[in-house]
Amino acid sequence: MEPLGGVAWPPEPIKTERLVLRESEARDRTAFVELLASPEVNTYLGGPRPRDEVERETPEVPERWPGSFVVELDGTMIGQILLRRATKHRPAAVGKADLGYLFLPQAWGFGYAAEACAAALDWFDGVLPGEPVVLATQTANVGSMRLAAKLGFTEVERFEAWGAEQWLGMRSPATQST
């Protein structure tokens, strides 16, 4: 994956009804370690990494690059939204912006992922108008499949990778996120 390119970074923080999307800061490091080491978060992403390895390899200010948003609720990081260029992916996805998201388990089930992803996609539509966005997830990840549908992604293909069936969806620039 590569940065989006051609966008001013970082943007002003993006505020929704309940959340703030912003660039990462040193105070987010603990939450990033938890995201990467959590068995629940990484169930469909190849499994968690060992906590000591994550602690050792995570910089003081993690994930600070264009397209990486911290999702904040009441001043605390609860997740991350990623928008980056797909480079080594399915042919239908290469060169397109790829949406990814990770949320801490305590933030699941409240609609935060939908709210944050919709805000990030609205921002993307404003800075790179006319560009489609892709999203890949395991078909077994029911929550992610529901989120993709809610955000307006439609199936392009299913394929086998990493020992599981994967789903690739695309959102055209005209799709309205909710």
Protein backbone atom coordinates (compact mmCIF):
# COMPACT_ATOMS: atom_id res chain seq x y z
CA MET A 1 0.00 0.00 0.00
CA GLU A 2 1.12 3.53 -0.71
CA PRO A 3 0.01 6.97 0.52
CA LEU A 4 -2.79 8.67 -1.37
CA GLY A 5 -0.59 11.34 -2.95
CA GLY A 6 -1.78 14.76 -4.02
CA VAL A 7 -3.51 15.64 -0.75
CA ALA A 8 -2.54 18.26 1.82
CA TRP A 9 -1.76 16.51 5.09
CA PRO A 10 -2.75 16.65 7.81
CA PRO A 11 -6.21 18.08 7.25
CA GLU A 12 -8.00 20.00 9.95
CA PRO A 13 -9.57 17.53 12.38
CA ILE A 14 -12.84 16.14 11.02
CA LYS A 15 -15.68 16.36 13.53
CA THR A 16 -18.82 14.24 13.41
CA GLU A 17 -21.70 14.19 15.85
CA ARG A 18 -19.71 12.06 18.33
CA LEU A 19 -16.19 11.62 16.97
CA VAL A 20 -13.06 13.44 15.86
CA LEU A 21 -10.82 12.12 13.07
CA ARG A 22 -7.31 13.51 13.35
CA GLU A 23 -3.63 12.79 12.83
CA SER A 24 -2.00 10.52 15.43
CA GLU A 25 -0.19 11.88 18.45
CA ALA A 26 2.15 10.37 21.04
CA ARG A 27 -0.78 9.89 23.46
CA ASP A 28 -2.30 7.37 21.00
CA ARG A 29 0.59 4.89 21.21
CA THR A 30 -1.02 2.68 23.88
CA ALA A 31 -4.21 2.35 21.84
CA PHE A 32 -2.22 1.47 18.69
CA VAL A 33 -0.38 -1.25 20.60
CA GLU A 34 -3.72 -2.61 21.82
CA LEU A 35 -5.16 -2.59 18.27
CA LEU A 36 -2.22 -4.52 16.83
CA ALA A 37 -1.94 -7.00 19.72
CA SER A 38 -5.68 -7.65 20.24
CA PRO A 39 -6.87 -11.16 19.32
CA GLU A 40 -10.42 -9.83 18.80
CA VAL A 41 -9.39 -6.98 16.50
CA ASN A 42 -7.14 -9.24 14.43
CA THR A 43 -9.42 -12.28 14.12
CA TYR A 44 -9.85 -11.71 10.37
CA LEU A 45 -6.48 -10.06 9.78
CA GLY A 46 -4.13 -12.98 10.26
CA GLY A 47 -4.14 -12.92 14.05
CA PRO A 48 -2.58 -10.65 16.64
CA ARG A 49 1.09 -9.85 16.84
CA PRO A 50 2.91 -10.58 20.12
CA ARG A 51 2.49 -7.61 22.46
CA ASP A 52 6.21 -7.38 23.28
CA GLU A 53 7.01 -7.22 19.55
CA VAL A 54 4.38 -4.52 18.99
CA GLU A 55 5.66 -2.52 21.99
CA ARG A 56 9.23 -2.72 20.67
CA GLU A 57 8.36 -1.78 17.05
CA THR A 58 5.73 0.92 17.57
CA PRO A 59 7.25 4.41 17.34
CA GLU A 60 6.48 7.14 19.85
CA VAL A 61 4.03 8.68 17.37
CA PRO A 62 2.61 5.74 15.40
CA GLU A 63 0.96 5.66 11.98
CA ARG A 64 1.69 9.28 11.13
CA TRP A 65 1.28 9.38 7.35
CA PRO A 66 -1.24 10.81 4.86
CA GLY A 67 -4.48 8.85 4.94
CA SER A 68 -4.13 7.52 8.49
CA PHE A 69 -6.76 8.95 10.82
CA VAL A 70 -7.08 8.36 14.55
CA VAL A 71 -10.72 8.05 15.58
CA GLU A 72 -11.27 9.79 18.89
CA LEU A 73 -14.25 9.62 21.25
CA ASP A 74 -14.33 11.99 24.23
CA GLY A 75 -10.60 12.68 23.90
CA THR A 76 -9.55 9.01 23.67
CA MET A 77 -8.49 6.99 20.64
CA ILE A 78 -10.96 4.17 19.89
CA GLY A 79 -9.84 3.24 16.39
CA GLN A 80 -8.09 4.02 13.14
CA ILE A 81 -9.27 4.72 9.59
CA LEU A 82 -6.83 4.10 6.74
CA LEU A 83 -7.05 5.42 3.19
CA ARG A 84 -4.12 4.43 0.98
CA ARG A 85 -3.37 3.29 -2.55
CA ALA A 86 -3.70 -0.41 -3.23
CA THR A 87 -0.53 -1.63 -4.94
CA LYS A 88 -0.28 -5.40 -4.44
CA HIS A 89 -3.90 -6.39 -4.50
CA ARG A 90 -6.49 -7.81 -6.82
CA PRO A 91 -6.27 -6.33 -10.35
CA ALA A 92 -9.61 -4.51 -9.86
CA ALA A 93 -8.17 -2.68 -6.84
CA VAL A 94 -4.65 -1.70 -7.94
CA GLY A 95 -4.13 2.06 -8.00
CA LYS A 96 -7.43 2.81 -6.28
CA ALA A 97 -7.82 4.17 -2.78
CA ASP A 98 -8.32 1.36 -0.27
CA LEU A 99 -10.37 1.91 2.90
CA GLY A 100 -9.35 0.06 6.05
CA TYR A 101 -10.46 0.38 9.66
CA LEU A 102 -9.60 -1.01 13.07
CA PHE A 103 -11.57 -0.35 16.26
CA LEU A 104 -10.94 -1.44 19.82
CA PRO A 105 -13.45 -4.09 20.97
CA GLN A 106 -14.98 -1.79 23.60
CA ALA A 107 -16.03 0.53 20.74
CA TRP A 108 -17.85 -2.17 18.76
CA GLY A 109 -21.61 -2.09 18.35
CA PHE A 110 -22.21 1.64 18.75
CA GLY A 111 -22.03 2.73 15.09
CA TYR A 112 -18.67 4.47 15.50
CA ALA A 113 -17.07 2.65 12.57
CA ALA A 114 -19.90 3.66 10.21
CA GLU A 115 -19.79 7.27 11.43
CA ALA A 116 -16.00 7.53 11.16
CA CYS A 117 -15.74 5.77 7.78
CA ALA A 118 -18.52 7.94 6.33
CA ALA A 119 -16.68 11.08 7.51
CA ALA A 120 -13.37 9.85 6.06
CA LEU A 121 -15.05 9.01 2.73
CA ASP A 122 -16.69 12.45 2.63
CA TRP A 123 -13.26 14.01 3.22
CA PHE A 124 -11.77 11.81 0.47
CA ASP A 125 -14.53 12.82 -1.97
CA GLY A 126 -13.69 16.45 -1.27
CA VAL A 127 -9.92 16.18 -1.78
CA LEU A 128 -9.87 13.61 -4.61
CA PRO A 129 -13.24 14.01 -6.30
CA GLY A 130 -14.27 11.42 -8.84
CA GLU A 131 -12.09 8.62 -7.47
CA PRO A 132 -13.54 5.24 -6.53
CA VAL A 133 -12.62 3.53 -3.26
CA VAL A 134 -12.17 -0.22 -2.67
CA LEU A 135 -12.55 -2.26 0.48
CA ALA A 136 -11.52 -5.87 1.09
CA THR A 137 -12.66 -8.07 3.96
CA GLN A 138 -13.15 -11.72 4.78
CA THR A 139 -16.68 -12.89 4.01
CA ALA A 140 -16.71 -14.47 7.49
CA ASN A 141 -16.39 -10.99 9.02
CA VAL A 142 -20.12 -10.32 9.21
CA GLY A 143 -19.74 -6.91 10.88
CA SER A 144 -17.32 -5.67 8.23
CA MET A 145 -19.56 -6.99 5.45
CA ARG A 146 -22.53 -5.08 6.94
CA LEU A 147 -20.43 -1.92 7.26
CA ALA A 148 -19.29 -2.18 3.63
CA ALA A 149 -22.91 -2.42 2.46
CA LYS A 150 -23.97 0.49 4.67
CA LEU A 151 -21.18 2.65 3.23
CA GLY A 152 -22.30 1.89 -0.34
CA PHE A 153 -19.67 -0.65 -1.39
CA THR A 154 -20.85 -3.22 -3.93
CA GLU A 155 -19.22 -6.54 -4.67
CA VAL A 156 -16.60 -6.69 -7.41
CA GLU A 157 -15.38 -10.19 -6.69
CA ARG A 158 -14.76 -12.92 -4.15
CA PHE A 159 -11.46 -14.73 -3.97
CA GLU A 160 -9.46 -17.08 -1.80
CA ALA A 161 -6.49 -15.63 0.10
CA TRP A 162 -4.80 -16.27 3.42
CA GLY A 163 -6.81 -19.48 3.80
CA ALA A 164 -10.22 -17.80 3.70
CA GLU A 165 -12.78 -16.40 1.28
CA GLN A 166 -12.26 -12.67 0.73
CA TRP A 167 -14.67 -10.04 -0.56
CA LEU A 168 -13.65 -7.03 -2.64
CA GLY A 169 -16.11 -4.17 -2.92
CA MET A 170 -16.00 -0.81 -4.65
CA ARG A 171 -17.69 2.47 -3.90
CA SER A 172 -18.16 4.79 -6.84
CA PRO A 173 -17.57 8.50 -6.23
CA ALA A 174 -21.28 9.18 -6.66
CA THR A 175 -22.20 6.89 -3.74
CA GLN A 176 -23.47 8.78 -0.74
CA SER A 177 -22.08 7.52 2.57
CA THR A 178 -24.33 7.43 5.60
